[in-house]
Protein backbone atom coordinates (compact mmCIF):
# COMPACT_ATOMS: atom_id res chain seq x y z
CA UNK A 1 26.57 -67.59 12.71
CA UNK A 2 28.20 -68.31 9.34
CA UNK A 3 26.15 -71.47 8.65
CA UNK A 4 22.65 -69.91 9.11
CA UNK A 5 23.63 -66.92 7.00
CA UNK A 6 24.92 -69.23 4.24
CA UNK A 7 21.71 -71.26 4.31
CA UNK A 8 19.53 -68.16 4.15
CA UNK A 9 21.51 -66.71 1.27
CA UNK A 10 21.35 -70.04 -0.57
CA UNK A 11 17.61 -70.26 -0.12
CA UNK A 12 17.17 -66.72 -1.43
CA UNK A 13 19.35 -67.39 -4.47
CA UNK A 14 17.53 -70.61 -5.34
CA UNK A 15 14.22 -68.81 -5.06
CA UNK A 16 15.31 -66.07 -7.42
CA UNK A 17 16.66 -68.60 -9.92
CA UNK A 18 13.38 -70.51 -9.93
CA UNK A 19 11.47 -67.30 -10.73
CA UNK A 20 9.25 -67.17 -7.65
CA UNK A 21 9.21 -65.27 -4.37
CA UNK A 22 10.73 -66.76 -1.25
CA UNK A 23 9.40 -65.84 2.15
CA UNK A 24 11.79 -65.05 4.90
CA UNK A 25 12.15 -68.25 7.03
CA UNK A 26 11.05 -66.40 10.14
CA UNK A 27 8.01 -64.87 8.45
CA UNK A 28 6.86 -67.96 6.65
CA UNK A 29 5.11 -69.64 9.59
CA UNK A 30 3.36 -66.39 10.44
CA UNK A 31 1.97 -65.85 6.95
CA UNK A 32 1.33 -69.38 5.73
CA UNK A 33 -1.98 -69.71 7.51
CA UNK A 34 -3.23 -66.20 6.76
CA UNK A 35 -2.32 -65.56 3.12
CA UNK A 36 -5.22 -66.21 0.79
CA UNK A 37 -4.93 -67.82 -2.62
CA UNK A 38 -6.26 -64.62 -4.08
CA UNK A 39 -3.00 -62.89 -3.23
CA UNK A 40 -0.62 -65.76 -3.97
CA UNK A 41 1.31 -65.69 -7.26
CA UNK A 42 2.90 -69.12 -6.82
CA UNK A 43 1.84 -71.92 -9.21
CA UNK A 44 3.16 -75.48 -9.01
CA UNK A 45 5.41 -76.30 -12.00
CA UNK A 46 3.60 -78.29 -14.68
CA UNK A 47 0.09 -77.17 -13.74
CA UNK A 48 -2.05 -75.18 -16.13
CA UNK A 49 -2.89 -71.59 -15.28
CA UNK A 50 -6.35 -71.10 -13.85
CA UNK A 51 -8.60 -69.27 -16.30
CA UNK A 52 -11.42 -68.73 -13.82
CA UNK A 53 -11.42 -65.16 -12.47
CA UNK A 54 -10.42 -64.98 -8.83
CA UNK A 55 -13.56 -63.11 -7.83
CA UNK A 56 -15.67 -66.13 -8.84
CA UNK A 57 -14.09 -68.07 -5.98
CA UNK A 58 -15.64 -65.73 -3.44
CA UNK A 59 -18.68 -67.14 -1.64
CA UNK A 60 -21.55 -64.64 -1.92
CA UNK A 61 -23.67 -66.41 0.67
CA UNK A 62 -26.35 -64.14 2.13
CA UNK A 63 -26.57 -66.20 5.32
CA UNK A 64 -22.82 -65.97 5.79
CA UNK A 65 -22.98 -62.20 5.37
CA UNK A 66 -25.65 -61.94 8.07
CA UNK A 67 -23.58 -64.04 10.46
CA UNK A 68 -20.49 -61.91 9.87
CA UNK A 69 -22.54 -58.74 10.38
CA UNK A 70 -23.88 -60.03 13.72
CA UNK A 71 -20.36 -60.91 14.84
CA UNK A 72 -19.00 -57.49 13.95
CA UNK A 73 -21.90 -55.66 15.60
CA UNK A 74 -21.36 -57.62 18.80
CA UNK A 75 -17.71 -56.58 18.74
CA UNK A 76 -18.76 -52.98 18.10
CA UNK A 77 -20.88 -52.88 21.25
CA UNK A 78 -17.85 -53.90 23.28
CA UNK A 79 -15.79 -51.00 21.97
CA UNK A 80 -16.00 -47.39 23.15
CA UNK A 81 -17.25 -45.21 20.35
CA UNK A 82 -15.26 -42.01 20.27
CA UNK A 83 -16.46 -38.58 19.31
CA UNK A 84 -14.65 -35.26 18.80
CA UNK A 85 -11.42 -34.86 20.79
CA UNK A 86 -11.44 -38.59 21.49
CA UNK A 87 -14.32 -38.36 23.96
CA UNK A 88 -16.99 -41.08 24.23
CA UNK A 89 -20.10 -40.27 22.19
CA UNK A 90 -22.47 -40.61 25.14
CA UNK A 91 -20.41 -38.16 27.18
CA UNK A 92 -20.13 -35.80 24.20
CA UNK A 93 -23.84 -35.76 23.33
CA UNK A 94 -25.06 -35.34 26.91
CA UNK A 95 -22.50 -32.72 27.86
CA UNK A 96 -24.09 -29.38 28.84
CA UNK A 97 -21.13 -27.51 30.34
CA UNK A 98 -17.36 -27.74 30.17
CA UNK A 99 -14.60 -25.83 31.94
CA UNK A 100 -11.86 -25.01 29.45
CA UNK A 101 -9.45 -23.02 31.61
CA UNK A 102 -9.28 -22.43 35.33
CA UNK A 103 -6.50 -20.65 37.14
CA UNK A 104 -5.18 -22.39 40.23
CA UNK A 105 -1.43 -22.65 39.66
CA UNK A 106 1.46 -21.18 37.72
CA UNK A 107 1.09 -24.04 35.26
CA UNK A 108 -2.38 -22.73 34.37
CA UNK A 109 -0.95 -19.27 33.72
CA UNK A 110 1.76 -20.70 31.49
CA UNK A 111 -0.96 -21.64 28.98
CA UNK A 112 -1.46 -17.94 28.23
CA UNK A 113 0.63 -15.10 26.81
CA UNK A 114 0.29 -11.35 27.33
CA UNK A 115 1.14 -8.51 24.97
CA UNK A 116 0.69 -4.74 24.68
CA UNK A 117 1.37 -1.81 22.38
CA UNK A 118 5.01 -1.94 23.48
CA UNK A 119 5.45 -4.18 20.44
CA UNK A 120 4.71 -1.19 18.19
CA UNK A 121 6.52 1.40 20.30
CA UNK A 122 3.74 2.20 22.77
CA UNK A 123 4.00 2.70 26.53
CA UNK A 124 1.24 0.51 27.99
CA UNK A 125 2.12 -2.08 30.61
CA UNK A 126 0.46 -5.44 31.30
CA UNK A 127 1.14 -8.20 33.82
CA UNK A 128 -0.39 -11.57 34.66
CA UNK A 129 -0.19 -13.38 37.99
CA UNK A 130 -2.25 -15.57 40.31
CA UNK A 131 -4.89 -13.82 42.37
CA UNK A 132 -5.59 -14.04 46.08
CA UNK A 133 -5.33 -17.57 47.51
CA UNK A 134 -4.36 -18.81 44.03
CA UNK A 135 -8.01 -18.94 43.01
CA UNK A 136 -7.96 -16.77 39.88
CA UNK A 137 -5.81 -15.13 37.25
CA UNK A 138 -5.16 -11.43 37.79
CA UNK A 139 -4.53 -9.42 34.63
CA UNK A 140 -3.51 -5.87 35.46
CA UNK A 141 -1.46 -2.98 34.18
CA UNK A 142 -1.65 0.58 32.88
CA UNK A 143 -3.11 1.72 29.59
CA UNK A 144 -1.31 4.52 27.77
CA UNK A 145 -2.73 5.91 24.52
CA UNK A 146 0.30 8.03 23.62
CA UNK A 147 1.10 7.40 19.97
CA UNK A 148 4.73 6.51 19.21
CA UNK A 149 6.53 9.14 17.13
CA UNK A 150 7.47 6.95 14.22
CA UNK A 151 5.53 8.81 11.56
CA UNK A 152 3.39 5.76 10.72
CA UNK A 153 1.41 4.63 13.76
CA UNK A 154 -1.88 6.50 14.20
CA UNK A 155 -3.39 4.73 17.21
CA UNK A 156 -1.99 3.16 20.35
CA UNK A 157 -3.12 1.97 23.75
CA UNK A 158 -4.02 -1.72 24.08
CA UNK A 159 -3.17 -4.71 26.27
CA UNK A 160 -4.20 -8.29 25.70
CA UNK A 161 -4.11 -11.81 27.06
CA UNK A 162 -4.35 -14.81 24.74
CA UNK A 163 -4.31 -18.58 25.15
CA UNK A 164 -1.55 -20.57 23.53
CA UNK A 165 -2.68 -22.77 20.61
CA UNK A 166 -2.83 -26.52 21.06
CA UNK A 167 0.11 -28.42 19.66
CA UNK A 168 0.38 -32.13 18.93
CA UNK A 169 3.41 -34.32 18.38
CA UNK A 170 5.91 -33.21 15.74
CA UNK A 171 4.56 -29.63 16.05
CA UNK A 172 1.19 -30.56 14.55
CA UNK A 173 -1.67 -28.09 14.91
CA UNK A 174 -4.59 -29.14 17.06
CA UNK A 175 -7.89 -27.36 17.55
CA UNK A 176 -10.70 -27.07 20.04
CA UNK A 177 -14.06 -28.46 19.00
CA UNK A 178 -16.85 -26.37 20.55
CA UNK A 179 -19.57 -27.41 18.11
CA UNK A 180 -21.59 -29.04 20.91
CA UNK A 181 -22.06 -25.69 22.70
CA UNK A 182 -23.61 -22.35 21.81
CA UNK A 183 -22.28 -19.96 24.46
CA UNK A 184 -19.08 -18.88 26.17
CA UNK A 185 -19.36 -18.83 29.95
CA UNK A 186 -17.02 -16.85 32.23
CA UNK A 187 -16.73 -15.95 35.90
CA UNK A 188 -14.84 -12.67 36.21
CA UNK A 189 -14.40 -9.62 38.42
CA UNK A 190 -13.44 -6.42 36.64
CA UNK A 191 -13.07 -2.74 37.38
CA UNK A 192 -15.96 -1.52 35.23
CA UNK A 193 -14.00 -1.19 32.00
CA UNK A 194 -15.12 -2.89 28.77
CA UNK A 195 -13.12 -5.69 27.19
CA UNK A 196 -13.08 -7.30 23.78
CA UNK A 197 -13.30 -11.10 23.64
CA UNK A 198 -11.44 -12.49 20.63
CA UNK A 199 -11.75 -15.95 19.09
CA UNK A 200 -9.30 -17.05 16.43
CA UNK A 201 -10.10 -19.95 14.12
CA UNK A 202 -7.79 -21.78 11.77
CA UNK A 203 -7.99 -20.09 8.36
CA UNK A 204 -8.39 -22.07 5.16
CA UNK A 205 -6.46 -19.49 3.13
CA UNK A 206 -3.40 -17.40 3.92
CA UNK A 207 -5.19 -14.08 3.37
CA UNK A 208 -7.51 -14.95 6.30
CA UNK A 209 -4.70 -15.16 8.86
CA UNK A 210 -5.73 -11.80 10.41
CA UNK A 211 -9.42 -12.71 10.77
CA UNK A 212 -10.85 -12.59 14.28
CA UNK A 213 -14.29 -13.08 15.80
CA UNK A 214 -15.04 -10.43 18.40
CA UNK A 215 -17.63 -9.47 20.96
CA UNK A 216 -17.76 -7.21 24.01
CA UNK A 217 -17.55 -8.09 27.69
CA UNK A 218 -18.74 -5.32 30.00
CA UNK A 219 -17.57 -5.58 33.61
CA UNK A 220 -19.51 -3.74 36.30
CA UNK A 221 -16.74 -3.25 38.86
CA UNK A 222 -17.09 -3.61 42.60
CA UNK A 223 -16.19 -6.40 45.04
CA UNK A 224 -18.55 -9.04 43.65
CA UNK A 225 -17.89 -11.70 41.03
CA UNK A 226 -20.10 -11.81 37.98
CA UNK A 227 -20.94 -14.64 35.61
CA UNK A 228 -21.05 -13.64 31.96
CA UNK A 229 -22.64 -15.64 29.17
CA UNK A 230 -21.84 -14.68 25.57
CA UNK A 231 -23.62 -16.61 22.78
CA UNK A 232 -21.40 -17.52 19.86
CA UNK A 233 -24.06 -16.15 17.52
CA UNK A 234 -23.17 -12.63 18.72
CA UNK A 235 -19.53 -12.76 17.62
CA UNK A 236 -18.82 -10.73 14.49
CA UNK A 237 -15.97 -11.11 12.01
CA UNK A 238 -13.17 -8.53 11.79
CA UNK A 239 -9.79 -8.35 10.08
CA UNK A 240 -6.97 -6.13 11.35
CA UNK A 241 -9.42 -4.26 13.55
CA UNK A 242 -11.98 -3.59 10.81
CA UNK A 243 -15.45 -5.10 10.91
CA UNK A 244 -16.08 -7.02 7.69
CA UNK A 245 -19.11 -6.50 5.46
CA UNK A 246 -19.31 -10.20 4.68
CA UNK A 247 -20.22 -11.89 7.96
CA UNK A 248 -20.60 -15.58 8.75
CA UNK A 249 -20.85 -17.66 11.95
CA UNK A 250 -17.81 -19.00 13.77
CA UNK A 251 -16.38 -22.35 12.69
CA UNK A 252 -16.74 -23.88 16.14
CA UNK A 253 -14.90 -27.07 15.20
CA UNK A 254 -11.71 -25.16 14.31
CA UNK A 255 -11.07 -22.96 17.35
CA UNK A 256 -7.41 -22.11 17.78
CA UNK A 257 -7.12 -19.47 20.52
CA UNK A 258 -9.21 -17.31 22.84
CA UNK A 259 -8.14 -13.87 24.03
CA UNK A 260 -9.12 -10.67 25.86
CA UNK A 261 -8.15 -7.15 24.80
CA UNK A 262 -8.61 -3.77 26.51
CA UNK A 263 -8.37 -0.65 24.34
CA UNK A 264 -11.08 1.77 25.47
CA UNK A 265 -8.86 4.86 24.90
CA UNK A 266 -8.85 5.73 28.61
CA UNK A 267 -5.43 6.20 30.17
CA UNK A 268 -4.91 4.69 33.57
CA UNK A 269 -4.72 1.44 35.54
CA UNK A 270 -6.91 -1.57 34.83
CA UNK A 271 -7.40 -5.03 36.26
CA UNK A 272 -9.41 -8.13 35.46
CA UNK A 273 -9.70 -11.27 37.55
CA UNK A 274 -10.75 -14.50 35.81
CA UNK A 275 -11.88 -17.47 37.86
CA UNK A 276 -12.62 -19.83 34.97
CA UNK A 277 -13.55 -19.88 31.29
CA UNK A 278 -16.02 -22.48 30.12
CA UNK A 279 -18.64 -23.47 27.58
CA UNK A 280 -22.41 -23.73 27.93
CA UNK A 281 -25.11 -25.35 25.85
CA UNK A 282 -28.05 -23.04 26.53
CA UNK A 283 -31.19 -24.73 25.21
CA UNK A 284 -33.15 -21.48 25.59
CA UNK A 285 -30.88 -19.72 23.10
CA UNK A 286 -32.10 -20.54 19.60
CA UNK A 287 -30.50 -17.75 17.57
CA UNK A 288 -28.20 -19.06 14.86
CA UNK A 289 -26.53 -15.81 13.82
CA UNK A 290 -27.24 -12.24 14.88
CA UNK A 291 -26.03 -10.39 11.77
CA UNK A 292 -27.12 -9.93 8.19
CA UNK A 293 -25.50 -12.21 5.65
CA UNK A 294 -25.21 -11.61 1.92
CA UNK A 295 -26.69 -14.02 -0.57
CA UNK A 296 -23.81 -15.03 -2.85
CA UNK A 297 -25.92 -16.86 -5.38
């Protein structure tokens, strides 16, 4: 091994002494046929420097440009054009429905987290498990509106269920892109109590971290399943539980999480079964936004 190393070091030293770059002997054959003169700084000793600008050596042939364009377009047709979330464009544009979450195993439940007013000293209880025959998620518990005696909290009594945000490699944030749909579509079975559906989008500024888009889901109770369609145009903006005066539509290409909250101020047990949560592109729904917006101009 000593001889090759000596030769390589000698070649590198001679190249530096001569004032020009030396390619690595193993990279030379790979680059010799691909490196253009435009990017080469080597000039044979004794030759005069070329005064002609390098761009004048480029052939601006119109016919050649057309041939290259045809070649590249033919290659393009062989590739799969990708749309949002890496899906093929034809599949993305023609898609009318999509199931986001369905609950058939414990792994499906692990994509969600539950919380209650216990975090602020309350006494509500909430649990999440698979329903009968592992065909749905069963969210149940007991709502308790008793205010904790801490001298600060004024209201209590809520339970919620929220999806975990998407995460990429190296803890990168990823988002859902729902811009191809205009409605949320659910199959649920409740006990007649109202729920709040919450959609959280990625904020552009730190002071928007508490912003939520909300709308109501009214369950009718009874033994039968019901299918609920909620247009995205109906969701209104709130921050820390307060409806904002300045309203604007949801940024559907930056969806982070989806959640359900019960807080109807009625003490007692509750339960909600969710078969699946999906998206729908309802062509009959043409409303863009249901609420008044201020003109900022």
